[in-house]
C-alpha cells in the first residue's frame, strides 16, 4: 500500500475490514463502516440499501471463507472522497469491485459499492 495518500490508506483499511467475516456478521461493526446513504449493486444484480445489507449479512452463516483481494487501487477524487477498485475471489467466484468512500464526522464510511462477476478465463483489458 506504499505511495497512497492517508485518505486512500483509510479507505483501503475500511474496505479490507468489510471483507472480514466477523465484521460482516456484526450489525454494530458493519453499521459503523456504512454511510447512512449507503447503497450497492451486488454481484447478484440486486440493489441493497444500508438496512437490507446489514440485516442480510448479520444472518449469514459463519462458515463462509473470506474473499481474496487483488489489484486494489485507490484514487482520491476530492478531500473527502476516495474511489477504490479491486477484484475478489471467493469459493471460485470472481468479481470486479468498485467502492466510493466518504469522510464523515464518524470517519471514513462506504457510500457506494458495485460488484460485477467475471470469468478469470476471459482476457481483461488494461
C-alpha atoms as a PDB file:
ATOM      1  CA  UNK A   1       0.000   0.000   0.000  1.00  0.00           C
ATOM      2  CA  UNK A   2       3.005   2.279  -0.352  1.00  0.00           C
ATOM      3  CA  UNK A   3       2.646   5.644  -2.069  1.00  0.00           C
ATOM      4  CA  UNK A   4      -1.023   6.034  -1.141  1.00  0.00           C
ATOM      5  CA  UNK A   5      -2.388   9.190   0.443  1.00  0.00           C
ATOM      6  CA  UNK A   6      -3.723   8.903   4.005  1.00  0.00           C
ATOM      7  CA  UNK A   7      -7.262   9.113   2.581  1.00  0.00           C
ATOM      8  CA  UNK A   8      -6.678   6.185   0.210  1.00  0.00           C
ATOM      9  CA  UNK A   9      -4.996   4.224   3.020  1.00  0.00           C
ATOM     10  CA  UNK A  10      -8.044   4.800   5.255  1.00  0.00           C
ATOM     11  CA  UNK A  11     -10.444   3.667   2.516  1.00  0.00           C
ATOM     12  CA  UNK A  12      -8.387   0.527   1.840  1.00  0.00           C
ATOM     13  CA  UNK A  13      -8.308  -0.258   5.551  1.00  0.00           C
ATOM     14  CA  UNK A  14     -12.096   0.147   5.720  1.00  0.00           C
ATOM     15  CA  UNK A  15     -12.655  -1.993   2.638  1.00  0.00           C
ATOM     16  CA  UNK A  16     -10.470  -4.796   3.975  1.00  0.00           C
ATOM     17  CA  UNK A  17     -12.342  -4.612   7.286  1.00  0.00           C
ATOM     18  CA  UNK A  18     -15.639  -5.043   5.436  1.00  0.00           C
ATOM     19  CA  UNK A  19     -14.321  -8.262   3.890  1.00  0.00           C
ATOM     20  CA  UNK A  20     -13.670  -9.749   7.346  1.00  0.00           C
ATOM     21  CA  UNK A  21     -16.452 -12.304   8.064  1.00  0.00           C
ATOM     22  CA  UNK A  22     -16.530 -11.334  11.785  1.00  0.00           C
ATOM     23  CA  UNK A  23     -17.194  -7.676  10.939  1.00  0.00           C
ATOM     24  CA  UNK A  24     -19.746  -8.578   8.274  1.00  0.00           C
ATOM     25  CA  UNK A  25     -21.761 -10.564  10.852  1.00  0.00           C
ATOM     26  CA  UNK A  26     -21.747  -7.752  13.443  1.00  0.00           C
ATOM     27  CA  UNK A  27     -24.518  -5.191  12.842  1.00  0.00           C
ATOM     28  CA  UNK A  28     -22.691  -2.691  15.070  1.00  0.00           C
ATOM     29  CA  UNK A  29     -19.254  -3.024  13.434  1.00  0.00           C
ATOM     30  CA  UNK A  30     -20.710  -3.207   9.932  1.00  0.00           C
ATOM     31  CA  UNK A  31     -23.016  -0.267  10.570  1.00  0.00           C
ATOM     32  CA  UNK A  32     -20.106   1.903  11.714  1.00  0.00           C
ATOM     33  CA  UNK A  33     -18.436   1.412   8.316  1.00  0.00           C
ATOM     34  CA  UNK A  34     -21.521   2.083   6.181  1.00  0.00           C
ATOM     35  CA  UNK A  35     -22.644   5.618   5.382  1.00  0.00           C
ATOM     36  CA  UNK A  36     -26.321   6.398   6.203  1.00  0.00           C
ATOM     37  CA  UNK A  37     -26.944   6.819   2.452  1.00  0.00           C
ATOM     38  CA  UNK A  38     -25.134   3.587   1.509  1.00  0.00           C
ATOM     39  CA  UNK A  39     -26.341   1.563  -1.457  1.00  0.00           C
ATOM     40  CA  UNK A  40     -24.918  -1.271  -3.510  1.00  0.00           C
ATOM     41  CA  UNK A  41     -25.453  -3.055  -6.782  1.00  0.00           C
ATOM     42  CA  UNK A  42     -24.378  -6.555  -5.811  1.00  0.00           C
ATOM     43  CA  UNK A  43     -22.780  -9.277  -7.884  1.00  0.00           C
ATOM     44  CA  UNK A  44     -26.211 -10.938  -7.953  1.00  0.00           C
ATOM     45  CA  UNK A  45     -27.698  -7.850  -9.623  1.00  0.00           C
ATOM     46  CA  UNK A  46     -29.683  -6.990  -6.509  1.00  0.00           C
ATOM     47  CA  UNK A  47     -29.846  -3.422  -5.220  1.00  0.00           C
ATOM     48  CA  UNK A  48     -29.088  -3.152  -1.499  1.00  0.00           C
ATOM     49  CA  UNK A  49     -29.532  -0.254   0.901  1.00  0.00           C
ATOM     50  CA  UNK A  50     -27.872   0.099   4.306  1.00  0.00           C
ATOM     51  CA  UNK A  51     -30.681  -1.529   6.315  1.00  0.00           C
ATOM     52  CA  UNK A  52     -31.109  -4.507   3.970  1.00  0.00           C
ATOM     53  CA  UNK A  53     -27.390  -5.319   3.669  1.00  0.00           C
ATOM     54  CA  UNK A  54     -26.851  -5.157   7.446  1.00  0.00           C
ATOM     55  CA  UNK A  55     -29.848  -7.441   8.026  1.00  0.00           C
ATOM     56  CA  UNK A  56     -28.726  -9.905   5.359  1.00  0.00           C
ATOM     57  CA  UNK A  57     -25.093 -10.126   6.431  1.00  0.00           C
ATOM     58  CA  UNK A  58     -25.950 -10.391  10.138  1.00  0.00           C
ATOM     59  CA  UNK A  59     -27.923 -13.571   9.451  1.00  0.00           C
ATOM     60  CA  UNK A  60     -25.409 -15.171   7.060  1.00  0.00           C
ATOM     61  CA  UNK A  61     -23.888 -18.413   8.323  1.00  0.00           C
ATOM     62  CA  UNK A  62     -20.387 -18.057   9.728  1.00  0.00           C
ATOM     63  CA  UNK A  63     -18.972 -20.871   7.609  1.00  0.00           C
ATOM     64  CA  UNK A  64     -18.157 -18.668   4.636  1.00  0.00           C
ATOM     65  CA  UNK A  65     -14.499 -18.089   3.899  1.00  0.00           C
ATOM     66  CA  UNK A  66     -13.063 -14.613   3.474  1.00  0.00           C
ATOM     67  CA  UNK A  67     -12.609 -13.227  -0.016  1.00  0.00           C
ATOM     68  CA  UNK A  68      -9.153 -12.973  -1.530  1.00  0.00           C
ATOM     69  CA  UNK A  69      -8.498  -9.499  -2.912  1.00  0.00           C
ATOM     70  CA  UNK A  70      -6.192  -8.465  -5.726  1.00  0.00           C
ATOM     71  CA  UNK A  71      -5.387  -5.438  -7.870  1.00  0.00           C
ATOM     72  CA  UNK A  72      -6.653  -2.960  -5.245  1.00  0.00           C
ATOM     73  CA  UNK A  73      -6.137   0.625  -6.361  1.00  0.00           C
ATOM     74  CA  UNK A  74      -7.392   3.866  -4.930  1.00  0.00           C
ATOM     75  CA  UNK A  75      -7.677   7.408  -6.103  1.00  0.00           C
ATOM     76  CA  UNK A  76      -8.617  10.489  -4.112  1.00  0.00           C
ATOM     77  CA  UNK A  77     -11.417  12.207  -6.038  1.00  0.00           C
ATOM     78  CA  UNK A  78     -11.631  15.091  -3.565  1.00  0.00           C
ATOM     79  CA  UNK A  79     -10.653  15.914   0.010  1.00  0.00           C
ATOM     80  CA  UNK A  80     -13.440  13.719   1.408  1.00  0.00           C
ATOM     81  CA  UNK A  81     -13.993  11.149  -1.354  1.00  0.00           C
ATOM     82  CA  UNK A  82     -11.967   8.071  -2.395  1.00  0.00           C
ATOM     83  CA  UNK A  83     -12.685   5.635  -5.224  1.00  0.00           C
ATOM     84  CA  UNK A  84     -11.354   2.069  -4.855  1.00  0.00           C
ATOM     85  CA  UNK A  85     -11.274  -0.643  -7.491  1.00  0.00           C
ATOM     86  CA  UNK A  86     -10.234  -4.246  -6.887  1.00  0.00           C
ATOM     87  CA  UNK A  87     -11.009  -7.867  -7.669  1.00  0.00           C
ATOM     88  CA  UNK A  88     -12.196 -10.580  -5.303  1.00  0.00           C
ATOM     89  CA  UNK A  89     -12.306 -14.357  -5.432  1.00  0.00           C
ATOM     90  CA  UNK A  90     -14.435 -16.381  -3.040  1.00  0.00           C
ATOM     91  CA  UNK A  91     -15.075 -20.103  -3.459  1.00  0.00           C
ATOM     92  CA  UNK A  92     -14.309 -19.894  -7.177  1.00  0.00           C
ATOM     93  CA  UNK A  93     -16.486 -16.823  -7.804  1.00  0.00           C
ATOM     94  CA  UNK A  94     -14.668 -13.773  -9.178  1.00  0.00           C
ATOM     95  CA  UNK A  95     -15.855 -10.160  -9.159  1.00  0.00           C
ATOM     96  CA  UNK A  96     -14.561  -6.767 -10.214  1.00  0.00           C
ATOM     97  CA  UNK A  97     -15.452  -4.281  -7.473  1.00  0.00           C
ATOM     98  CA  UNK A  98     -15.779  -0.527  -7.206  1.00  0.00           C
ATOM     99  CA  UNK A  99     -16.351   1.438  -3.992  1.00  0.00           C
ATOM    100  CA  UNK A 100     -16.797   5.084  -3.039  1.00  0.00           C
ATOM    101  CA  UNK A 101     -15.671   6.039   0.477  1.00  0.00           C
ATOM    102  CA  UNK A 102     -16.679   9.350   2.100  1.00  0.00           C
ATOM    103  CA  UNK A 103     -15.061  11.022   5.075  1.00  0.00           C
ATOM    104  CA  UNK A 104     -17.717  11.919   7.647  1.00  0.00           C
ATOM    105  CA  UNK A 105     -17.683  13.161  11.240  1.00  0.00           C
ATOM    106  CA  UNK A 106     -17.653   9.452  12.234  1.00  0.00           C
ATOM    107  CA  UNK A 107     -14.658   8.682   9.976  1.00  0.00           C
ATOM    108  CA  UNK A 108     -14.407   7.048   6.557  1.00  0.00           C
ATOM    109  CA  UNK A 109     -17.604   5.258   5.537  1.00  0.00           C
ATOM    110  CA  UNK A 110     -18.606   3.274   2.474  1.00  0.00           C
ATOM    111  CA  UNK A 111     -21.135   5.253   0.459  1.00  0.00           C
ATOM    112  CA  UNK A 112     -21.489   3.125  -2.693  1.00  0.00           C
ATOM    113  CA  UNK A 113     -20.344  -0.313  -3.831  1.00  0.00           C
ATOM    114  CA  UNK A 114     -20.763  -2.320  -7.019  1.00  0.00           C
ATOM    115  CA  UNK A 115     -19.672  -5.863  -7.813  1.00  0.00           C
ATOM    116  CA  UNK A 116     -19.577  -7.304 -11.323  1.00  0.00           C
ATOM    117  CA  UNK A 117     -18.945 -11.019 -11.842  1.00  0.00           C
ATOM    118  CA  UNK A 118     -16.281 -12.081 -14.296  1.00  0.00           C
ATOM    119  CA  UNK A 119     -14.646 -15.265 -15.508  1.00  0.00           C
ATOM    120  CA  UNK A 120     -10.898 -15.452 -14.894  1.00  0.00           C
ATOM    121  CA  UNK A 121     -10.562 -17.196 -18.268  1.00  0.00           C
ATOM    122  CA  UNK A 122     -11.773 -14.053 -20.050  1.00  0.00           C
ATOM    123  CA  UNK A 123      -8.875 -11.761 -21.025  1.00  0.00           C
ATOM    124  CA  UNK A 124      -9.156  -8.464 -19.184  1.00  0.00           C
ATOM    125  CA  UNK A 125      -8.427  -5.081 -20.652  1.00  0.00           C
ATOM    126  CA  UNK A 126      -5.814  -2.815 -19.112  1.00  0.00           C
END
